[in-house]
Amino acid sequence: MKLNSTEHLDDFARKAFGDAAAMVSANTHYRLEQAVNAAVRAPAQLQDSPAFKPRQWKWFGLGIGGGALLASVVAVMVWNPISHPSTTSAPAVATADSAISTDPNVWSTDLDEDPSMYAWLASKEALAVAR
């Protein structure tokens, strides 16, 4: 009967384990069995104990997440405040110098802010001037 390498390796490992187990004292063997049994029972005992509550971790995570969200909102408000228009700035008042200015930039800004100019543009008179 010819054995392949996997079967040969399994047989060798079993023989080596049996030889090592035979050299272990009865006291050490008993202590190892107790350790194995304790490890098998540990998860069931952990779930039954009142100290282990999975829900407390949920609240811990929610607290950490909420704190991070609050900190990010505060950071955004500090570094990028909402701008409010200042109420102390007075509107620009046309002076006599700007009324007689020949600079088109000066009088075009005055006309842009004048609502009567838009009413005139919609009139028939403006249509006649445009032709």
N, C-alpha and C. Protein backbone atom coordinates (compact mmCIF):
# COMPACT_ATOMS: atom_id res chain seq x y z
N MET A 1 0.84 -1.16 0.00
CA MET A 1 0.00 0.00 0.00
C MET A 1 0.90 1.24 0.00
N LYS A 2 0.62 2.12 -0.95
CA LYS A 2 1.44 3.30 -1.11
C LYS A 2 0.71 4.51 -0.52
N LEU A 3 1.37 5.27 0.36
CA LEU A 3 0.78 6.44 0.99
C LEU A 3 1.24 7.70 0.26
N ASN A 4 0.31 8.64 0.08
CA ASN A 4 0.74 9.92 -0.50
C ASN A 4 1.30 10.79 0.62
N SER A 5 1.82 11.96 0.29
CA SER A 5 2.53 12.78 1.26
C SER A 5 1.59 13.33 2.34
N THR A 6 0.33 13.59 2.04
CA THR A 6 -0.60 14.14 3.03
C THR A 6 -0.90 13.09 4.10
N GLU A 7 -1.16 11.87 3.69
CA GLU A 7 -1.44 10.80 4.67
C GLU A 7 -0.21 10.53 5.53
N HIS A 8 0.95 10.58 4.91
CA HIS A 8 2.20 10.36 5.65
C HIS A 8 2.40 11.46 6.69
N LEU A 9 2.12 12.69 6.33
CA LEU A 9 2.26 13.81 7.25
C LEU A 9 1.26 13.69 8.40
N ASP A 10 0.01 13.30 8.11
CA ASP A 10 -0.99 13.12 9.16
C ASP A 10 -0.57 12.03 10.14
N ASP A 11 -0.10 10.94 9.63
CA ASP A 11 0.33 9.84 10.51
C ASP A 11 1.51 10.26 11.38
N PHE A 12 2.45 10.98 10.78
CA PHE A 12 3.60 11.45 11.54
C PHE A 12 3.17 12.41 12.65
N ALA A 13 2.24 13.33 12.35
CA ALA A 13 1.76 14.29 13.35
C ALA A 13 1.03 13.57 14.48
N ARG A 14 0.21 12.58 14.16
CA ARG A 14 -0.50 11.84 15.20
C ARG A 14 0.48 11.07 16.10
N LYS A 15 1.47 10.47 15.50
CA LYS A 15 2.46 9.73 16.28
C LYS A 15 3.26 10.67 17.18
N ALA A 16 3.65 11.83 16.65
CA ALA A 16 4.41 12.80 17.45
C ALA A 16 3.56 13.33 18.60
N PHE A 17 2.27 13.59 18.36
CA PHE A 17 1.39 14.07 19.43
C PHE A 17 1.20 12.99 20.49
N GLY A 18 1.02 11.74 20.07
CA GLY A 18 0.86 10.64 21.02
C GLY A 18 2.09 10.47 21.89
N ASP A 19 3.28 10.56 21.29
CA ASP A 19 4.52 10.45 22.06
C ASP A 19 4.66 11.60 23.06
N ALA A 20 4.30 12.82 22.64
CA ALA A 20 4.41 13.98 23.53
C ALA A 20 3.39 13.88 24.65
N ALA A 21 2.16 13.41 24.35
CA ALA A 21 1.13 13.29 25.38
C ALA A 21 1.49 12.22 26.39
N ALA A 22 2.21 11.19 25.95
CA ALA A 22 2.60 10.13 26.87
C ALA A 22 3.66 10.62 27.86
N MET A 23 4.41 11.64 27.49
CA MET A 23 5.47 12.15 28.37
C MET A 23 4.96 13.19 29.36
N VAL A 24 3.69 13.62 29.24
CA VAL A 24 3.13 14.64 30.14
C VAL A 24 2.69 13.95 31.42
N SER A 25 2.99 14.59 32.55
CA SER A 25 2.61 14.01 33.84
C SER A 25 1.09 14.11 34.02
N ALA A 26 0.57 13.31 34.96
CA ALA A 26 -0.87 13.29 35.21
C ALA A 26 -1.35 14.63 35.75
N ASN A 27 -0.54 15.27 36.59
CA ASN A 27 -0.92 16.57 37.15
C ASN A 27 -1.02 17.62 36.05
N THR A 28 -0.05 17.68 35.15
CA THR A 28 -0.07 18.65 34.05
C THR A 28 -1.23 18.35 33.11
N HIS A 29 -1.48 17.08 32.84
CA HIS A 29 -2.59 16.69 31.98
C HIS A 29 -3.92 17.15 32.58
N TYR A 30 -4.09 17.00 33.89
CA TYR A 30 -5.31 17.43 34.56
C TYR A 30 -5.47 18.95 34.47
N ARG A 31 -4.39 19.69 34.69
CA ARG A 31 -4.46 21.15 34.61
C ARG A 31 -4.77 21.62 33.19
N LEU A 32 -4.23 20.94 32.19
CA LEU A 32 -4.54 21.30 30.80
C LEU A 32 -6.01 21.04 30.48
N GLU A 33 -6.55 19.92 30.98
CA GLU A 33 -7.97 19.63 30.75
C GLU A 33 -8.85 20.69 31.40
N GLN A 34 -8.48 21.12 32.61
CA GLN A 34 -9.26 22.15 33.30
C GLN A 34 -9.20 23.48 32.52
N ALA A 35 -8.06 23.81 31.96
CA ALA A 35 -7.92 25.04 31.18
C ALA A 35 -8.77 24.98 29.91
N VAL A 36 -8.79 23.83 29.27
CA VAL A 36 -9.60 23.67 28.06
C VAL A 36 -11.09 23.80 28.40
N ASN A 37 -11.52 23.15 29.48
CA ASN A 37 -12.93 23.22 29.89
C ASN A 37 -13.32 24.65 30.26
N ALA A 38 -12.44 25.37 30.93
CA ALA A 38 -12.73 26.76 31.30
C ALA A 38 -12.84 27.64 30.06
N ALA A 39 -11.99 27.38 29.07
CA ALA A 39 -12.05 28.17 27.84
C ALA A 39 -13.33 27.89 27.06
N VAL A 40 -13.80 26.65 27.11
CA VAL A 40 -15.04 26.31 26.41
C VAL A 40 -16.24 26.94 27.10
N ARG A 41 -16.24 26.99 28.44
CA ARG A 41 -17.36 27.55 29.20
C ARG A 41 -17.34 29.07 29.25
N ALA A 42 -16.24 29.72 28.99
CA ALA A 42 -16.10 31.17 29.19
C ALA A 42 -17.10 32.01 28.40
N PRO A 43 -17.33 31.77 27.12
CA PRO A 43 -18.27 32.63 26.40
C PRO A 43 -19.69 32.56 26.98
N ALA A 44 -20.14 31.37 27.39
CA ALA A 44 -21.48 31.24 27.96
C ALA A 44 -21.56 31.96 29.31
N GLN A 45 -20.52 31.87 30.12
CA GLN A 45 -20.52 32.55 31.41
C GLN A 45 -20.44 34.06 31.22
N LEU A 46 -19.74 34.50 30.20
CA LEU A 46 -19.59 35.93 29.97
C LEU A 46 -20.92 36.56 29.58
N GLN A 47 -21.71 35.87 28.77
CA GLN A 47 -23.00 36.40 28.36
C GLN A 47 -24.01 36.40 29.50
N ASP A 48 -23.90 35.46 30.42
CA ASP A 48 -24.84 35.38 31.52
C ASP A 48 -24.51 36.36 32.64
N SER A 49 -23.32 36.86 32.69
CA SER A 49 -22.92 37.74 33.79
C SER A 49 -23.56 39.12 33.63
N PRO A 50 -23.93 39.78 34.75
CA PRO A 50 -24.54 41.11 34.65
C PRO A 50 -23.56 42.20 34.23
N ALA A 51 -22.27 41.92 34.31
CA ALA A 51 -21.28 42.94 33.95
C ALA A 51 -21.22 43.14 32.44
N PHE A 52 -21.55 42.13 31.67
CA PHE A 52 -21.44 42.22 30.21
C PHE A 52 -22.79 42.64 29.65
N LYS A 53 -22.84 43.84 29.10
CA LYS A 53 -24.06 44.34 28.48
C LYS A 53 -23.71 44.88 27.10
N PRO A 54 -24.11 44.21 26.05
CA PRO A 54 -23.78 44.70 24.71
C PRO A 54 -24.40 46.06 24.41
N ARG A 55 -25.53 46.37 25.08
CA ARG A 55 -26.19 47.64 24.80
C ARG A 55 -25.35 48.82 25.26
N GLN A 56 -24.52 48.64 26.28
CA GLN A 56 -23.73 49.76 26.76
C GLN A 56 -22.74 50.21 25.70
N TRP A 57 -22.28 49.32 24.87
CA TRP A 57 -21.36 49.70 23.81
C TRP A 57 -22.07 50.51 22.74
N LYS A 58 -23.36 50.22 22.53
CA LYS A 58 -24.13 50.99 21.56
C LYS A 58 -24.23 52.44 22.03
N TRP A 59 -24.52 52.66 23.30
CA TRP A 59 -24.62 54.01 23.81
C TRP A 59 -23.26 54.70 23.81
N PHE A 60 -22.22 53.95 24.06
CA PHE A 60 -20.87 54.52 24.02
C PHE A 60 -20.56 55.01 22.60
N GLY A 61 -20.86 54.20 21.61
CA GLY A 61 -20.62 54.58 20.21
C GLY A 61 -21.46 55.77 19.80
N LEU A 62 -22.72 55.81 20.25
CA LEU A 62 -23.57 56.95 19.92
C LEU A 62 -23.05 58.22 20.58
N GLY A 63 -22.54 58.10 21.79
CA GLY A 63 -21.99 59.27 22.47
C GLY A 63 -20.75 59.80 21.77
N ILE A 64 -19.88 58.90 21.37
CA ILE A 64 -18.67 59.32 20.65
C ILE A 64 -19.05 59.96 19.31
N GLY A 65 -19.97 59.34 18.59
CA GLY A 65 -20.40 59.89 17.30
C GLY A 65 -21.08 61.24 17.44
N GLY A 66 -21.93 61.38 18.45
CA GLY A 66 -22.59 62.66 18.68
C GLY A 66 -21.61 63.75 19.07
N GLY A 67 -20.64 63.40 19.89
CA GLY A 67 -19.62 64.38 20.27
C GLY A 67 -18.80 64.82 19.07
N ALA A 68 -18.47 63.89 18.19
CA ALA A 68 -17.70 64.24 17.00
C ALA A 68 -18.52 65.14 16.07
N LEU A 69 -19.81 64.85 15.94
CA LEU A 69 -20.67 65.68 15.12
C LEU A 69 -20.78 67.09 15.69
N LEU A 70 -20.98 67.18 16.99
CA LEU A 70 -21.06 68.49 17.63
C LEU A 70 -19.76 69.27 17.47
N ALA A 71 -18.64 68.60 17.64
CA ALA A 71 -17.34 69.27 17.49
C ALA A 71 -17.14 69.76 16.05
N SER A 72 -17.58 68.98 15.06
CA SER A 72 -17.41 69.42 13.68
C SER A 72 -18.31 70.60 13.36
N VAL A 73 -19.53 70.62 13.90
CA VAL A 73 -20.42 71.77 13.68
C VAL A 73 -19.84 73.02 14.32
N VAL A 74 -19.32 72.90 15.52
CA VAL A 74 -18.70 74.05 16.19
C VAL A 74 -17.49 74.53 15.40
N ALA A 75 -16.69 73.59 14.89
CA ALA A 75 -15.50 73.98 14.12
C ALA A 75 -15.90 74.71 12.84
N VAL A 76 -16.95 74.26 12.18
CA VAL A 76 -17.40 74.94 10.96
C VAL A 76 -17.90 76.33 11.28
N MET A 77 -18.62 76.47 12.39
CA MET A 77 -19.14 77.79 12.77
C MET A 77 -18.01 78.74 13.17
N VAL A 78 -16.95 78.22 13.76
CA VAL A 78 -15.85 79.08 14.18
C VAL A 78 -15.03 79.53 12.98
N TRP A 79 -14.73 78.61 12.08
CA TRP A 79 -13.87 78.95 10.95
C TRP A 79 -14.63 79.52 9.76
N ASN A 80 -15.94 79.34 9.69
CA ASN A 80 -16.72 79.86 8.59
C ASN A 80 -18.01 80.44 9.14
N PRO A 81 -17.95 81.59 9.82
CA PRO A 81 -19.16 82.12 10.44
C PRO A 81 -20.16 82.59 9.39
N ILE A 82 -21.42 82.55 9.75
CA ILE A 82 -22.46 83.03 8.86
C ILE A 82 -22.35 84.55 8.81
N SER A 83 -22.26 85.09 7.61
CA SER A 83 -22.09 86.54 7.49
C SER A 83 -23.44 87.21 7.50
N HIS A 84 -23.56 88.23 8.31
CA HIS A 84 -24.76 89.04 8.39
C HIS A 84 -24.44 90.41 7.80
N PRO A 85 -25.35 90.97 7.01
CA PRO A 85 -25.07 92.31 6.50
C PRO A 85 -25.04 93.31 7.65
N SER A 86 -24.08 94.17 7.62
CA SER A 86 -23.96 95.13 8.72
C SER A 86 -25.03 96.20 8.57
N THR A 87 -25.65 96.55 9.66
CA THR A 87 -26.71 97.55 9.63
C THR A 87 -26.15 98.96 9.80
N THR A 88 -24.88 99.07 10.10
CA THR A 88 -24.29 100.39 10.33
C THR A 88 -23.85 101.06 9.04
N SER A 89 -23.72 100.28 7.94
CA SER A 89 -23.26 100.90 6.70
C SER A 89 -24.40 101.68 6.07
N ALA A 90 -24.15 102.92 5.76
CA ALA A 90 -25.16 103.79 5.14
C ALA A 90 -25.09 103.62 3.64
N PRO A 91 -26.24 103.71 2.95
CA PRO A 91 -26.20 103.59 1.49
C PRO A 91 -25.47 104.78 0.87
N ALA A 92 -24.90 104.54 -0.27
CA ALA A 92 -24.15 105.59 -0.93
C ALA A 92 -25.10 106.69 -1.39
N VAL A 93 -24.73 107.90 -1.12
CA VAL A 93 -25.54 109.06 -1.49
C VAL A 93 -24.86 109.75 -2.66
N ALA A 94 -25.63 110.05 -3.68
CA ALA A 94 -25.06 110.71 -4.85
C ALA A 94 -24.70 112.15 -4.47
N THR A 95 -23.51 112.52 -4.83
CA THR A 95 -23.07 113.88 -4.56
C THR A 95 -23.15 114.69 -5.84
N ALA A 96 -22.93 115.92 -5.71
CA ALA A 96 -22.99 116.81 -6.88
C ALA A 96 -21.89 116.47 -7.87
N ASP A 97 -20.75 115.99 -7.36
CA ASP A 97 -19.64 115.65 -8.25
C ASP A 97 -19.99 114.46 -9.13
N SER A 98 -20.67 113.45 -8.56
CA SER A 98 -20.99 112.28 -9.35
C SER A 98 -22.14 112.55 -10.31
N ALA A 99 -23.00 113.53 -10.01
CA ALA A 99 -24.11 113.85 -10.90
C ALA A 99 -23.60 114.52 -12.17
N ILE A 100 -22.53 115.25 -12.09
CA ILE A 100 -22.03 115.96 -13.27
C ILE A 100 -20.81 115.28 -13.87
N SER A 101 -20.52 114.07 -13.41
CA SER A 101 -19.35 113.37 -13.91
C SER A 101 -19.59 112.90 -15.34
N THR A 102 -18.53 112.86 -16.11
CA THR A 102 -18.62 112.36 -17.48
C THR A 102 -18.09 110.93 -17.59
N ASP A 103 -17.67 110.39 -16.49
CA ASP A 103 -17.17 109.01 -16.47
C ASP A 103 -18.36 108.05 -16.57
N PRO A 104 -18.39 107.19 -17.59
CA PRO A 104 -19.55 106.29 -17.76
C PRO A 104 -19.69 105.29 -16.62
N ASN A 105 -18.59 104.93 -15.96
CA ASN A 105 -18.69 103.99 -14.84
C ASN A 105 -19.44 104.59 -13.67
N VAL A 106 -19.27 105.88 -13.44
CA VAL A 106 -19.93 106.55 -12.33
C VAL A 106 -21.43 106.66 -12.59
N TRP A 107 -21.83 107.19 -13.75
CA TRP A 107 -23.25 107.38 -13.98
C TRP A 107 -23.97 106.09 -14.31
N SER A 108 -23.26 105.06 -14.81
CA SER A 108 -23.95 103.80 -15.07
C SER A 108 -24.33 103.10 -13.76
N THR A 109 -23.51 103.23 -12.73
CA THR A 109 -23.87 102.63 -11.44
C THR A 109 -25.06 103.35 -10.83
N ASP A 110 -25.14 104.68 -11.03
CA ASP A 110 -26.29 105.41 -10.52
C ASP A 110 -27.56 105.00 -11.25
N LEU A 111 -27.45 104.78 -12.55
CA LEU A 111 -28.63 104.38 -13.32
C LEU A 111 -29.05 102.95 -13.00
N ASP A 112 -28.09 102.09 -12.69
CA ASP A 112 -28.42 100.71 -12.34
C ASP A 112 -29.23 100.64 -11.06
N GLU A 113 -29.01 101.57 -10.16
CA GLU A 113 -29.71 101.56 -8.88
C GLU A 113 -31.01 102.35 -8.93
N ASP A 114 -31.32 102.99 -10.03
CA ASP A 114 -32.51 103.84 -10.14
C ASP A 114 -33.65 103.04 -10.78
N PRO A 115 -34.74 102.79 -10.05
CA PRO A 115 -35.85 102.01 -10.63
C PRO A 115 -36.61 102.78 -11.73
N SER A 116 -36.54 104.08 -11.73
CA SER A 116 -37.25 104.82 -12.77
C SER A 116 -36.62 104.61 -14.14
N MET A 117 -35.33 104.26 -14.16
CA MET A 117 -34.69 103.99 -15.44
C MET A 117 -35.31 102.75 -16.09
N TYR A 118 -35.61 101.73 -15.30
CA TYR A 118 -36.21 100.51 -15.84
C TYR A 118 -37.65 100.77 -16.30
N ALA A 119 -38.35 101.65 -15.62
CA ALA A 119 -39.70 102.01 -16.06
C ALA A 119 -39.64 102.76 -17.39
N TRP A 120 -38.65 103.62 -17.53
CA TRP A 120 -38.50 104.36 -18.79
C TRP A 120 -38.14 103.41 -19.93
N LEU A 121 -37.28 102.40 -19.66
CA LEU A 121 -36.90 101.45 -20.70
C LEU A 121 -38.10 100.66 -21.21
N ALA A 122 -39.10 100.46 -20.37
CA ALA A 122 -40.29 99.71 -20.78
C ALA A 122 -41.32 100.60 -21.48
N SER A 123 -41.10 101.90 -21.51
CA SER A 123 -42.09 102.81 -22.09
C SER A 123 -41.97 102.88 -23.62
N LYS A 124 -43.00 103.47 -24.24
CA LYS A 124 -43.00 103.64 -25.70
C LYS A 124 -41.97 104.67 -26.13
N GLU A 125 -41.71 105.62 -25.27
CA GLU A 125 -40.73 106.66 -25.57
C GLU A 125 -39.34 106.07 -25.77
N ALA A 126 -38.96 105.12 -24.93
CA ALA A 126 -37.65 104.46 -25.07
C ALA A 126 -37.60 103.65 -26.34
N LEU A 127 -38.71 103.03 -26.70
CA LEU A 127 -38.78 102.24 -27.93
C LEU A 127 -38.55 103.15 -29.15
N ALA A 128 -39.12 104.38 -29.10
CA ALA A 128 -38.95 105.32 -30.21
C ALA A 128 -37.52 105.80 -30.28
N VAL A 129 -36.87 106.01 -29.14
CA VAL A 129 -35.49 106.47 -29.14
C VAL A 129 -34.56 105.36 -29.65
N ALA A 130 -34.88 104.12 -29.38
CA ALA A 130 -34.04 103.00 -29.79
C ALA A 130 -34.08 102.79 -31.30
N ARG A 131 -35.16 103.26 -32.00
CA ARG A 131 -35.26 103.07 -33.46
C ARG A 131 -34.50 104.10 -34.12
